[in-house]
Full PDB file with SEQRES, HELIX, SHEET, SSBOND, CRYST1, ORIGX, SCALE, CONECT and MASTER records, all heavy atoms in Angstrom:
SEQRES   1 A   36  GLN LEU LYS TYR ASP VAL GLN HIS LEU GLN THR ALA LEU          
SEQRES   2 A   36  ARG ASN PHE GLN HIS ARG ARG TYR ALA ARG GLU GLN GLN          
SEQRES   3 A   36  GLU LYS GLN ARG GLU GLU LEU LEU ALA ARG                      
HELIX    1 AA1 LEU A    2  ALA A   35  1                                  34    
CRYST1    1.000    1.000    1.000  90.00  90.00  90.00 P 1           1          
ORIGX1      1.000000  0.000000  0.000000        0.00000                         
ORIGX2      0.000000  1.000000  0.000000        0.00000                         
ORIGX3      0.000000  0.000000  1.000000        0.00000                         
SCALE1      1.000000  0.000000  0.000000        0.00000                         
SCALE2      0.000000  1.000000  0.000000        0.00000                         
SCALE3      0.000000  0.000000  1.000000        0.00000                         
ATOM      1  N   GLN A   1      -5.857  95.441 -42.668  1.00  0.00           N  
ATOM      2  CA  GLN A   1      -6.994  95.006 -41.845  1.00  0.00           C  
ATOM      3  C   GLN A   1      -8.013  94.242 -42.684  1.00  0.00           C  
ATOM      4  O   GLN A   1      -8.553  93.214 -42.258  1.00  0.00           O  
ATOM      5  CB  GLN A   1      -7.648  96.229 -41.189  1.00  0.00           C  
ATOM      6  CG  GLN A   1      -8.820  95.888 -40.272  1.00  0.00           C  
ATOM      7  CD  GLN A   1      -8.408  95.037 -39.098  1.00  0.00           C  
ATOM      8  OE1 GLN A   1      -7.355  95.256 -38.515  1.00  0.00           O  
ATOM      9  NE2 GLN A   1      -9.222  94.063 -38.743  1.00  0.00           N  
ATOM     10  N   LEU A   2      -8.268  94.731 -43.899  1.00  0.00           N  
ATOM     11  CA  LEU A   2      -9.180  94.011 -44.793  1.00  0.00           C  
ATOM     12  C   LEU A   2      -8.614  92.643 -45.167  1.00  0.00           C  
ATOM     13  O   LEU A   2      -9.355  91.645 -45.222  1.00  0.00           O  
ATOM     14  CB  LEU A   2      -9.435  94.841 -46.052  1.00  0.00           C  
ATOM     15  CG  LEU A   2     -10.256  96.125 -45.891  1.00  0.00           C  
ATOM     16  CD1 LEU A   2     -10.403  96.822 -47.236  1.00  0.00           C  
ATOM     17  CD2 LEU A   2     -11.625  95.839 -45.295  1.00  0.00           C  
ATOM     18  N   LYS A   3      -7.306  92.571 -45.423  1.00  0.00           N  
ATOM     19  CA  LYS A   3      -6.685  91.296 -45.757  1.00  0.00           C  
ATOM     20  C   LYS A   3      -6.813  90.312 -44.606  1.00  0.00           C  
ATOM     21  O   LYS A   3      -7.070  89.121 -44.812  1.00  0.00           O  
ATOM     22  CB  LYS A   3      -5.212  91.515 -46.115  1.00  0.00           C  
ATOM     23  CG  LYS A   3      -4.997  92.232 -47.429  1.00  0.00           C  
ATOM     24  CD  LYS A   3      -3.530  92.550 -47.663  1.00  0.00           C  
ATOM     25  CE  LYS A   3      -2.699  91.318 -47.771  1.00  0.00           C  
ATOM     26  NZ  LYS A   3      -1.294  91.639 -48.077  1.00  0.00           N  
ATOM     27  N   TYR A   4      -6.615  90.815 -43.384  1.00  0.00           N  
ATOM     28  CA  TYR A   4      -6.764  89.935 -42.213  1.00  0.00           C  
ATOM     29  C   TYR A   4      -8.192  89.400 -42.109  1.00  0.00           C  
ATOM     30  O   TYR A   4      -8.406  88.207 -41.848  1.00  0.00           O  
ATOM     31  CB  TYR A   4      -6.385  90.698 -40.952  1.00  0.00           C  
ATOM     32  CG  TYR A   4      -6.645  89.934 -39.678  1.00  0.00           C  
ATOM     33  CD1 TYR A   4      -5.761  88.954 -39.242  1.00  0.00           C  
ATOM     34  CD2 TYR A   4      -7.793  90.186 -38.919  1.00  0.00           C  
ATOM     35  CE1 TYR A   4      -6.002  88.242 -38.082  1.00  0.00           C  
ATOM     36  CE2 TYR A   4      -8.034  89.471 -37.754  1.00  0.00           C  
ATOM     37  CZ  TYR A   4      -7.140  88.508 -37.333  1.00  0.00           C  
ATOM     38  OH  TYR A   4      -7.386  87.808 -36.187  1.00  0.00           O  
ATOM     39  N   ASP A   5      -9.184  90.256 -42.333  1.00  0.00           N  
ATOM     40  CA  ASP A   5     -10.585  89.824 -42.235  1.00  0.00           C  
ATOM     41  C   ASP A   5     -10.922  88.774 -43.298  1.00  0.00           C  
ATOM     42  O   ASP A   5     -11.564  87.760 -42.996  1.00  0.00           O  
ATOM     43  CB  ASP A   5     -11.515  91.035 -42.383  1.00  0.00           C  
ATOM     44  CG  ASP A   5     -11.378  92.006 -41.215  1.00  0.00           C  
ATOM     45  OD1 ASP A   5     -10.910  91.575 -40.144  1.00  0.00           O  
ATOM     46  OD2 ASP A   5     -11.729  93.188 -41.375  1.00  0.00           O  
ATOM     47  N   VAL A   6     -10.491  89.001 -44.536  1.00  0.00           N  
ATOM     48  CA  VAL A   6     -10.854  88.067 -45.599  1.00  0.00           C  
ATOM     49  C   VAL A   6     -10.087  86.749 -45.445  1.00  0.00           C  
ATOM     50  O   VAL A   6     -10.618  85.663 -45.761  1.00  0.00           O  
ATOM     51  CB  VAL A   6     -10.599  88.712 -46.980  1.00  0.00           C  
ATOM     52  CG1 VAL A   6      -9.121  88.845 -47.273  1.00  0.00           C  
ATOM     53  CG2 VAL A   6     -11.271  87.904 -48.080  1.00  0.00           C  
ATOM     54  N   GLN A   7      -8.851  86.797 -44.947  1.00  0.00           N  
ATOM     55  CA  GLN A   7      -8.131  85.549 -44.687  1.00  0.00           C  
ATOM     56  C   GLN A   7      -8.793  84.756 -43.569  1.00  0.00           C  
ATOM     57  O   GLN A   7      -8.831  83.515 -43.611  1.00  0.00           O  
ATOM     58  CB  GLN A   7      -6.672  85.853 -44.336  1.00  0.00           C  
ATOM     59  CG  GLN A   7      -5.844  86.324 -45.527  1.00  0.00           C  
ATOM     60  CD  GLN A   7      -4.459  86.779 -45.133  1.00  0.00           C  
ATOM     61  OE1 GLN A   7      -4.104  86.780 -43.946  1.00  0.00           O  
ATOM     62  NE2 GLN A   7      -3.654  87.174 -46.099  1.00  0.00           N  
ATOM     63  N   HIS A   8      -9.323  85.456 -42.571  1.00  0.00           N  
ATOM     64  CA  HIS A   8     -10.057  84.778 -41.509  1.00  0.00           C  
ATOM     65  C   HIS A   8     -11.304  84.098 -42.074  1.00  0.00           C  
ATOM     66  O   HIS A   8     -11.629  82.953 -41.693  1.00  0.00           O  
ATOM     67  CB  HIS A   8     -10.435  85.787 -40.426  1.00  0.00           C  
ATOM     68  CG  HIS A   8     -11.235  85.201 -39.307  1.00  0.00           C  
ATOM     69  ND1 HIS A   8     -10.682  84.381 -38.349  1.00  0.00           N  
ATOM     70  CD2 HIS A   8     -12.560  85.311 -38.999  1.00  0.00           C  
ATOM     71  CE1 HIS A   8     -11.628  83.993 -37.505  1.00  0.00           C  
ATOM     72  NE2 HIS A   8     -12.770  84.551 -37.874  1.00  0.00           N  
ATOM     73  N   LEU A   9     -12.006  84.758 -42.981  1.00  0.00           N  
ATOM     74  CA  LEU A   9     -13.192  84.158 -43.604  1.00  0.00           C  
ATOM     75  C   LEU A   9     -12.810  82.959 -44.470  1.00  0.00           C  
ATOM     76  O   LEU A   9     -13.512  81.941 -44.478  1.00  0.00           O  
ATOM     77  CB  LEU A   9     -13.918  85.209 -44.439  1.00  0.00           C  
ATOM     78  CG  LEU A   9     -14.589  86.350 -43.663  1.00  0.00           C  
ATOM     79  CD1 LEU A   9     -15.148  87.390 -44.628  1.00  0.00           C  
ATOM     80  CD2 LEU A   9     -15.702  85.816 -42.773  1.00  0.00           C  
ATOM     81  N   GLN A  10     -11.695  83.074 -45.206  1.00  0.00           N  
ATOM     82  CA  GLN A  10     -11.252  81.954 -46.034  1.00  0.00           C  
ATOM     83  C   GLN A  10     -10.913  80.741 -45.173  1.00  0.00           C  
ATOM     84  O   GLN A  10     -11.256  79.598 -45.510  1.00  0.00           O  
ATOM     85  CB  GLN A  10     -10.031  82.372 -46.855  1.00  0.00           C  
ATOM     86  CG  GLN A  10      -9.517  81.312 -47.810  1.00  0.00           C  
ATOM     87  CD  GLN A  10     -10.456  81.071 -48.977  1.00  0.00           C  
ATOM     88  OE1 GLN A  10     -10.599  81.913 -49.844  1.00  0.00           O  
ATOM     89  NE2 GLN A  10     -11.088  79.910 -49.005  1.00  0.00           N  
ATOM     90  N   THR A  11     -10.250  80.968 -44.041  1.00  0.00           N  
ATOM     91  CA  THR A  11      -9.918  79.867 -43.135  1.00  0.00           C  
ATOM     92  C   THR A  11     -11.178  79.246 -42.541  1.00  0.00           C  
ATOM     93  O   THR A  11     -11.282  78.020 -42.420  1.00  0.00           O  
ATOM     94  CB  THR A  11      -9.004  80.380 -42.011  1.00  0.00           C  
ATOM     95  OG1 THR A  11      -7.832  80.976 -42.582  1.00  0.00           O  
ATOM     96  CG2 THR A  11      -8.586  79.247 -41.084  1.00  0.00           C  
ATOM     97  N   ALA A  12     -12.148  80.089 -42.183  1.00  0.00           N  
ATOM     98  CA  ALA A  12     -13.403  79.565 -41.637  1.00  0.00           C  
ATOM     99  C   ALA A  12     -14.133  78.706 -42.669  1.00  0.00           C  
ATOM    100  O   ALA A  12     -14.694  77.653 -42.334  1.00  0.00           O  
ATOM    101  CB  ALA A  12     -14.284  80.714 -41.180  1.00  0.00           C  
ATOM    102  N   LEU A  13     -14.126  79.115 -43.941  1.00  0.00           N  
ATOM    103  CA  LEU A  13     -14.781  78.332 -44.987  1.00  0.00           C  
ATOM    104  C   LEU A  13     -14.090  76.982 -45.164  1.00  0.00           C  
ATOM    105  O   LEU A  13     -14.750  75.936 -45.294  1.00  0.00           O  
ATOM    106  CB  LEU A  13     -14.766  79.112 -46.302  1.00  0.00           C  
ATOM    107  CG  LEU A  13     -15.362  78.396 -47.530  1.00  0.00           C  
ATOM    108  CD1 LEU A  13     -16.827  78.054 -47.291  1.00  0.00           C  
ATOM    109  CD2 LEU A  13     -15.203  79.251 -48.778  1.00  0.00           C  
ATOM    110  N   ARG A  14     -12.765  76.980 -45.162  1.00  0.00           N  
ATOM    111  CA  ARG A  14     -12.041  75.716 -45.322  1.00  0.00           C  
ATOM    112  C   ARG A  14     -12.287  74.787 -44.135  1.00  0.00           C  
ATOM    113  O   ARG A  14     -12.451  73.568 -44.322  1.00  0.00           O  
ATOM    114  CB  ARG A  14     -10.545  76.007 -45.465  1.00  0.00           C  
ATOM    115  CG  ARG A  14     -10.179  76.667 -46.791  1.00  0.00           C  
ATOM    116  CD  ARG A  14      -8.710  77.029 -46.848  1.00  0.00           C  
ATOM    117  NE  ARG A  14      -8.365  77.670 -48.119  1.00  0.00           N  
ATOM    118  CZ  ARG A  14      -7.185  78.209 -48.378  1.00  0.00           C  
ATOM    119  NH1 ARG A  14      -6.225  78.181 -47.440  1.00  0.00           N  
ATOM    120  NH2 ARG A  14      -6.953  78.761 -49.547  1.00  0.00           N  
ATOM    121  N   ASN A  15     -12.319  75.334 -42.930  1.00  0.00           N  
ATOM    122  CA  ASN A  15     -12.596  74.491 -41.762  1.00  0.00           C  
ATOM    123  C   ASN A  15     -13.993  73.889 -41.846  1.00  0.00           C  
ATOM    124  O   ASN A  15     -14.191  72.719 -41.501  1.00  0.00           O  
ATOM    125  CB  ASN A  15     -12.452  75.309 -40.484  1.00  0.00           C  
ATOM    126  CG  ASN A  15     -11.011  75.702 -40.214  1.00  0.00           C  
ATOM    127  OD1 ASN A  15     -10.084  75.058 -40.689  1.00  0.00           O  
ATOM    128  ND2 ASN A  15     -10.817  76.773 -39.463  1.00  0.00           N  
ATOM    129  N   PHE A  16     -14.964  74.677 -42.308  1.00  0.00           N  
ATOM    130  CA  PHE A  16     -16.321  74.143 -42.465  1.00  0.00           C  
ATOM    131  C   PHE A  16     -16.348  73.037 -43.512  1.00  0.00           C  
ATOM    132  O   PHE A  16     -17.031  72.012 -43.327  1.00  0.00           O  
ATOM    133  CB  PHE A  16     -17.286  75.264 -42.853  1.00  0.00           C  
ATOM    134  CG  PHE A  16     -18.682  74.785 -43.119  1.00  0.00           C  
ATOM    135  CD1 PHE A  16     -19.560  74.547 -42.072  1.00  0.00           C  
ATOM    136  CD2 PHE A  16     -19.116  74.550 -44.427  1.00  0.00           C  
ATOM    137  CE1 PHE A  16     -20.849  74.093 -42.323  1.00  0.00           C  
ATOM    138  CE2 PHE A  16     -20.396  74.092 -44.678  1.00  0.00           C  
ATOM    139  CZ  PHE A  16     -21.265  73.869 -43.619  1.00  0.00           C  
ATOM    140  N   GLN A  17     -15.620  73.229 -44.612  1.00  0.00           N  
ATOM    141  CA  GLN A  17     -15.590  72.195 -45.650  1.00  0.00           C  
ATOM    142  C   GLN A  17     -14.951  70.910 -45.130  1.00  0.00           C  
ATOM    143  O   GLN A  17     -15.416  69.807 -45.452  1.00  0.00           O  
ATOM    144  CB  GLN A  17     -14.832  72.722 -46.871  1.00  0.00           C  
ATOM    145  CG  GLN A  17     -15.583  73.812 -47.625  1.00  0.00           C  
ATOM    146  CD  GLN A  17     -14.750  74.410 -48.749  1.00  0.00           C  
ATOM    147  OE1 GLN A  17     -13.523  74.300 -48.756  1.00  0.00           O  
ATOM    148  NE2 GLN A  17     -15.422  75.064 -49.699  1.00  0.00           N  
ATOM    149  N   HIS A  18     -13.885  71.047 -44.327  1.00  0.00           N  
ATOM    150  CA  HIS A  18     -13.262  69.857 -43.751  1.00  0.00           C  
ATOM    151  C   HIS A  18     -14.225  69.136 -42.812  1.00  0.00           C  
ATOM    152  O   HIS A  18     -14.330  67.892 -42.850  1.00  0.00           O  
ATOM    153  CB  HIS A  18     -11.982  70.240 -43.010  1.00  0.00           C  
ATOM    154  CG  HIS A  18     -10.838  70.579 -43.910  1.00  0.00           C  
ATOM    155  ND1 HIS A  18     -10.385  69.724 -44.887  1.00  0.00           N  
ATOM    156  CD2 HIS A  18     -10.044  71.682 -43.986  1.00  0.00           C  
ATOM    157  CE1 HIS A  18      -9.368  70.281 -45.540  1.00  0.00           C  
ATOM    158  NE2 HIS A  18      -9.145  71.467 -45.010  1.00  0.00           N  
ATOM    159  N   ARG A  19     -14.922  69.891 -41.985  1.00  0.00           N  
ATOM    160  CA  ARG A  19     -15.877  69.259 -41.066  1.00  0.00           C  
ATOM    161  C   ARG A  19     -17.021  68.588 -41.838  1.00  0.00           C  
ATOM    162  O   ARG A  19     -17.452  67.491 -41.477  1.00  0.00           O  
ATOM    163  CB  ARG A  19     -16.438  70.307 -40.099  1.00  0.00           C  
ATOM    164  CG  ARG A  19     -15.420  70.852 -39.112  1.00  0.00           C  
ATOM    165  CD  ARG A  19     -16.113  71.564 -37.954  1.00  0.00           C  
ATOM    166  NE  ARG A  19     -17.007  72.604 -38.413  1.00  0.00           N  
ATOM    167  CZ  ARG A  19     -16.642  73.873 -38.595  1.00  0.00           C  
ATOM    168  NH1 ARG A  19     -15.382  74.238 -38.350  1.00  0.00           N  
ATOM    169  NH2 ARG A  19     -17.512  74.778 -39.015  1.00  0.00           N  
ATOM    170  N   ARG A  20     -17.504  69.268 -42.886  1.00  0.00           N  
ATOM    171  CA  ARG A  20     -18.586  68.680 -43.676  1.00  0.00           C  
ATOM    172  C   ARG A  20     -18.116  67.405 -44.357  1.00  0.00           C  
ATOM    173  O   ARG A  20     -18.845  66.394 -44.386  1.00  0.00           O  
ATOM    174  CB  ARG A  20     -19.071  69.686 -44.717  1.00  0.00           C  
ATOM    175  CG  ARG A  20     -20.176  69.161 -45.620  1.00  0.00           C  
ATOM    176  CD  ARG A  20     -20.588  70.203 -46.648  1.00  0.00           C  
ATOM    177  NE  ARG A  20     -19.472  70.631 -47.470  1.00  0.00           N  
ATOM    178  CZ  ARG A  20     -18.974  69.918 -48.492  1.00  0.00           C  
ATOM    179  NH1 ARG A  20     -19.480  68.734 -48.797  1.00  0.00           N  
ATOM    180  NH2 ARG A  20     -17.967  70.396 -49.207  1.00  0.00           N  
ATOM    181  N   TYR A  21     -16.890  67.426 -44.888  1.00  0.00           N  
ATOM    182  CA  TYR A  21     -16.377  66.228 -45.558  1.00  0.00           C  
ATOM    183  C   TYR A  21     -16.236  65.071 -44.566  1.00  0.00           C  
ATOM    184  O   TYR A  21     -16.612  63.924 -44.870  1.00  0.00           O  
ATOM    185  CB  TYR A  21     -15.030  66.543 -46.201  1.00  0.00           C  
ATOM    186  CG  TYR A  21     -14.374  65.347 -46.849  1.00  0.00           C  
ATOM    187  CD1 TYR A  21     -14.818  64.854 -48.074  1.00  0.00           C  
ATOM    188  CD2 TYR A  21     -13.298  64.706 -46.224  1.00  0.00           C  
ATOM    189  CE1 TYR A  21     -14.214  63.750 -48.668  1.00  0.00           C  
ATOM    190  CE2 TYR A  21     -12.695  63.609 -46.807  1.00  0.00           C  
ATOM    191  CZ  TYR A  21     -13.157  63.136 -48.025  1.00  0.00           C  
ATOM    192  OH  TYR A  21     -12.568  62.038 -48.597  1.00  0.00           O  
ATOM    193  N   ALA A  22     -15.703  65.353 -43.376  1.00  0.00           N  
ATOM    194  CA  ALA A  22     -15.560  64.295 -42.374  1.00  0.00           C  
ATOM    195  C   ALA A  22     -16.924  63.773 -41.936  1.00  0.00           C  
ATOM    196  O   ALA A  22     -17.105  62.552 -41.754  1.00  0.00           O  
ATOM    197  CB  ALA A  22     -14.779  64.829 -41.166  1.00  0.00           C  
ATOM    198  N   ARG A  23     -17.897  64.675 -41.784  1.00  0.00           N  
ATOM    199  CA  ARG A  23     -19.238  64.234 -41.382  1.00  0.00           C  
ATOM    200  C   ARG A  23     -19.887  63.382 -42.470  1.00  0.00           C  
ATOM    201  O   ARG A  23     -20.531  62.351 -42.177  1.00  0.00           O  
ATOM    202  CB  ARG A  23     -20.101  65.466 -41.075  1.00  0.00           C  
ATOM    203  CG  ARG A  23     -21.459  65.136 -40.511  1.00  0.00           C  
ATOM    204  CD  ARG A  23     -22.146  66.380 -39.960  1.00  0.00           C  
ATOM    205  NE  ARG A  23     -22.292  67.418 -40.960  1.00  0.00           N  
ATOM    206  CZ  ARG A  23     -21.599  68.566 -40.959  1.00  0.00           C  
ATOM    207  NH1 ARG A  23     -20.719  68.805 -39.988  1.00  0.00           N  
ATOM    208  NH2 ARG A  23     -21.801  69.482 -41.894  1.00  0.00           N  
ATOM    209  N   GLU A  24     -19.718  63.784 -43.726  1.00  0.00           N  
ATOM    210  CA  GLU A  24     -20.281  62.998 -44.818  1.00  0.00           C  
ATOM    211  C   GLU A  24     -19.630  61.624 -44.903  1.00  0.00           C  
ATOM    212  O   GLU A  24     -20.301  60.617 -45.183  1.00  0.00           O  
ATOM    213  CB  GLU A  24     -20.118  63.750 -46.136  1.00  0.00           C  
ATOM    214  CG  GLU A  24     -20.995  64.986 -46.244  1.00  0.00           C  
ATOM    215  CD  GLU A  24     -20.746  65.739 -47.539  1.00  0.00           C  
ATOM    216  OE1 GLU A  24     -19.800  65.356 -48.273  1.00  0.00           O  
ATOM    217  OE2 GLU A  24     -21.482  66.718 -47.808  1.00  0.00           O  
ATOM    218  N   GLN A  25     -18.307  61.573 -44.677  1.00  0.00           N  
ATOM    219  CA  GLN A  25     -17.621  60.284 -44.703  1.00  0.00           C  
ATOM    220  C   GLN A  25     -18.107  59.381 -43.577  1.00  0.00           C  
ATOM    221  O   GLN A  25     -18.310  58.169 -43.777  1.00  0.00           O  
ATOM    222  CB  GLN A  25     -16.117  60.491 -44.601  1.00  0.00           C  
ATOM    223  CG  GLN A  25     -15.482  61.103 -45.841  1.00  0.00           C  
ATOM    224  CD  GLN A  25     -15.614  60.196 -47.060  1.00  0.00           C  
ATOM    225  OE1 GLN A  25     -16.336  60.504 -48.005  1.00  0.00           O  
ATOM    226  NE2 GLN A  25     -14.929  59.071 -47.029  1.00  0.00           N  
ATOM    227  N   GLN A  26     -18.301  59.954 -42.407  1.00  0.00           N  
ATOM    228  CA  GLN A  26     -18.808  59.149 -41.292  1.00  0.00           C  
ATOM    229  C   GLN A  26     -20.211  58.615 -41.579  1.00  0.00           C  
ATOM    230  O   GLN A  26     -20.520  57.450 -41.301  1.00  0.00           O  
ATOM    231  CB  GLN A  26     -18.794  59.983 -40.017  1.00  0.00           C  
ATOM    232  CG  GLN A  26     -17.407  60.310 -39.498  1.00  0.00           C  
ATOM    233  CD  GLN A  26     -17.438  61.226 -38.300  1.00  0.00           C  
ATOM    234  OE1 GLN A  26     -18.514  61.631 -37.839  1.00  0.00           O  
ATOM    235  NE2 GLN A  26     -16.260  61.571 -37.789  1.00  0.00           N  
ATOM    236  N   GLU A  27     -21.075  59.481 -42.124  1.00  0.00           N  
ATOM    237  CA  GLU A  27     -22.429  59.026 -42.457  1.00  0.00           C  
ATOM    238  C   GLU A  27     -22.403  57.942 -43.540  1.00  0.00           C  
ATOM    239  O   GLU A  27     -23.162  56.960 -43.478  1.00  0.00           O  
ATOM    240  CB  GLU A  27     -23.265  60.219 -42.921  1.00  0.00           C  
ATOM    241  CG  GLU A  27     -23.553  61.229 -41.818  1.00  0.00           C  
ATOM    242  CD  GLU A  27     -24.317  62.431 -42.341  1.00  0.00           C  
ATOM    243  OE1 GLU A  27     -24.538  62.495 -43.575  1.00  0.00           O  
ATOM    244  OE2 GLU A  27     -24.684  63.307 -41.514  1.00  0.00           O  
ATOM    245  N   LYS A  28     -21.503  58.119 -44.519  1.00  0.00           N  
ATOM    246  CA  LYS A  28     -21.397  57.113 -45.575  1.00  0.00           C  
ATOM    247  C   LYS A  28     -20.928  55.781 -45.027  1.00  0.00           C  
ATOM    248  O   LYS A  28     -21.477  54.707 -45.372  1.00  0.00           O  
ATOM    249  CB  LYS A  28     -20.439  57.623 -46.647  1.00  0.00           C  
ATOM    250  CG  LYS A  28     -20.255  56.666 -47.809  1.00  0.00           C  
ATOM    251  CD  LYS A  28     -19.294  57.253 -48.832  1.00  0.00           C  
ATOM    252  CE  LYS A  28     -19.079  56.276 -49.988  1.00  0.00           C  
ATOM    253  NZ  LYS A  28     -18.117  56.808 -50.994  1.00  0.00           N  
ATOM    254  N   GLN A  29     -19.936  55.812 -44.149  1.00  0.00           N  
ATOM    255  CA  GLN A  29     -19.436  54.570 -43.554  1.00  0.00           C  
ATOM    256  C   GLN A  29     -20.486  53.922 -42.652  1.00  0.00           C  
ATOM    257  O   GLN A  29     -20.616  52.693 -42.620  1.00  0.00           O  
ATOM    258  CB  GLN A  29     -18.157  54.865 -42.767  1.00  0.00           C  
ATOM    259  CG  GLN A  29     -16.976  55.275 -43.630  1.00  0.00           C  
ATOM    260  CD  GLN A  29     -15.806  55.778 -42.824  1.00  0.00           C  
ATOM    261  OE1 GLN A  29     -15.861  55.767 -41.586  1.00  0.00           O  
ATOM    262  NE2 GLN A  29     -14.753  56.206 -43.509  1.00  0.00           N  
ATOM    263  N   ARG A  30     -21.247  54.749 -41.926  1.00  0.00           N  
ATOM    264  CA  ARG A  30     -22.288  54.195 -41.073  1.00  0.00           C  
ATOM    265  C   ARG A  30     -23.389  53.526 -41.905  1.00  0.00           C  
ATOM    266  O   ARG A  30     -23.881  52.439 -41.565  1.00  0.00           O  
ATOM    267  CB  ARG A  30     -22.877  55.295 -40.186  1.00  0.00           C  
ATOM    268  CG  ARG A  30     -23.908  54.782 -39.192  1.00  0.00           C  
ATOM    269  CD  ARG A  30     -24.286  55.823 -38.163  1.00  0.00           C  
ATOM    270  NE  ARG A  30     -24.818  57.019 -38.770  1.00  0.00           N  
ATOM    271  CZ  ARG A  30     -24.166  58.186 -38.823  1.00  0.00           C  
ATOM    272  NH1 ARG A  30     -22.944  58.288 -38.295  1.00  0.00           N  
ATOM    273  NH2 ARG A  30     -24.714  59.250 -39.377  1.00  0.00           N  
ATOM    274  N   GLU A  31     -23.770  54.177 -43.009  1.00  0.00           N  
ATOM    275  CA  GLU A  31     -24.789  53.577 -43.876  1.00  0.00           C  
ATOM    276  C   GLU A  31     -24.288  52.277 -44.500  1.00  0.00           C  
ATOM    277  O   GLU A  31     -25.032  51.297 -44.612  1.00  0.00           O  
ATOM    278  CB  GLU A  31     -25.178  54.574 -44.963  1.00  0.00           C  
ATOM    279  CG  GLU A  31     -25.948  55.784 -44.428  1.00  0.00           C  
ATOM    280  CD  GLU A  31     -26.219  56.801 -45.516  1.00  0.00           C  
ATOM    281  OE1 GLU A  31     -25.748  56.575 -46.667  1.00  0.00           O  
ATOM    282  OE2 GLU A  31     -26.887  57.812 -45.231  1.00  0.00           O  
ATOM    283  N   GLU A  32     -23.007  52.274 -44.916  1.00  0.00           N  
ATOM    284  CA  GLU A  32     -22.457  51.048 -45.473  1.00  0.00           C  
ATOM    285  C   GLU A  32     -22.417  49.930 -44.438  1.00  0.00           C  
ATOM    286  O   GLU A  32     -22.663  48.753 -44.748  1.00  0.00           O  
ATOM    287  CB  GLU A  32     -21.053  51.301 -46.026  1.00  0.00           C  
ATOM    288  CG  GLU A  32     -21.032  52.190 -47.261  1.00  0.00           C  
ATOM    289  CD  GLU A  32     -19.616  52.474 -47.737  1.00  0.00           C  
ATOM    290  OE1 GLU A  32     -18.668  52.067 -47.002  1.00  0.00           O  
ATOM    291  OE2 GLU A  32     -19.448  53.100 -48.801  1.00  0.00           O  
ATOM    292  N   LEU A  33     -22.082  50.329 -43.187  1.00  0.00           N  
ATOM    293  CA  LEU A  33     -22.020  49.328 -42.128  1.00  0.00           C  
ATOM    294  C   LEU A  33     -23.406  48.763 -41.820  1.00  0.00           C  
ATOM    295  O   LEU A  33     -23.572  47.546 -41.615  1.00  0.00           O  
ATOM    296  CB  LEU A  33     -21.400  49.938 -40.876  1.00  0.00           C  
ATOM    297  CG  LEU A  33     -21.230  49.011 -39.666  1.00  0.00           C  
ATOM    298  CD1 LEU A  33     -20.298  47.852 -39.996  1.00  0.00           C  
ATOM    299  CD2 LEU A  33     -20.681  49.796 -38.469  1.00  0.00           C  
ATOM    300  N   LEU A  34     -24.410  49.665 -41.780  1.00  0.00           N  
ATOM    301  CA  LEU A  34     -25.768  49.187 -41.486  1.00  0.00           C  
ATOM    302  C   LEU A  34     -26.342  48.360 -42.627  1.00  0.00           C  
ATOM    303  O   LEU A  34     -27.161  47.444 -42.405  1.00  0.00           O  
ATOM    304  CB  LEU A  34     -26.683  50.389 -41.195  1.00  0.00           C  
ATOM    305  CG  LEU A  34     -26.363  51.179 -39.915  1.00  0.00           C  
ATOM    306  CD1 LEU A  34     -27.268  52.403 -39.803  1.00  0.00           C  
ATOM    307  CD2 LEU A  34     -26.507  50.298 -38.681  1.00  0.00           C  
ATOM    308  N   ALA A  35     -25.962  48.681 -43.856  1.00  0.00           N  
ATOM    309  CA  ALA A  35     -26.497  47.946 -44.997  1.00  0.00           C  
ATOM    310  C   ALA A  35     -25.755  46.648 -45.277  1.00  0.00           C  
ATOM    311  O   ALA A  35     -26.193  45.853 -46.119  1.00  0.00           O  
ATOM    312  CB  ALA A  35     -26.450  48.830 -46.248  1.00  0.00           C  
ATOM    313  N   ARG A  36     -24.686  46.431 -44.565  1.00  0.00           N  
ATOM    314  CA  ARG A  36     -23.874  45.243 -44.838  1.00  0.00           C  
ATOM    315  C   ARG A  36     -24.386  44.053 -44.031  1.00  0.00           C  
ATOM    316  O   ARG A  36     -24.780  44.202 -42.876  1.00  0.00           O  
ATOM    317  CB  ARG A  36     -22.409  45.537 -44.489  1.00  0.00           C  
ATOM    318  CG  ARG A  36     -21.464  44.402 -44.804  1.00  0.00           C  
ATOM    319  CD  ARG A  36     -20.038  44.850 -44.551  1.00  0.00           C  
ATOM    320  NE  ARG A  36     -19.099  43.783 -44.850  1.00  0.00           N  
ATOM    321  CZ  ARG A  36     -17.772  43.921 -44.763  1.00  0.00           C  
ATOM    322  NH1 ARG A  36     -17.263  45.084 -44.386  1.00  0.00           N  
ATOM    323  NH2 ARG A  36     -16.984  42.903 -45.049  1.00  0.00           N  
TER     324      ARG A  36                                                      
MASTER        0    0    0    1    0    0    0    6  323    1    0    3          
END                                                                             
């Protein structure tokens, strides 16, 4: 049960990192587009 809980937390952290990376990439591309 503890292993299941910690694996769920690890998956949630990775999903957040993926979303943050995609959001940062979108903001970077938008800034590049506006500055171009």
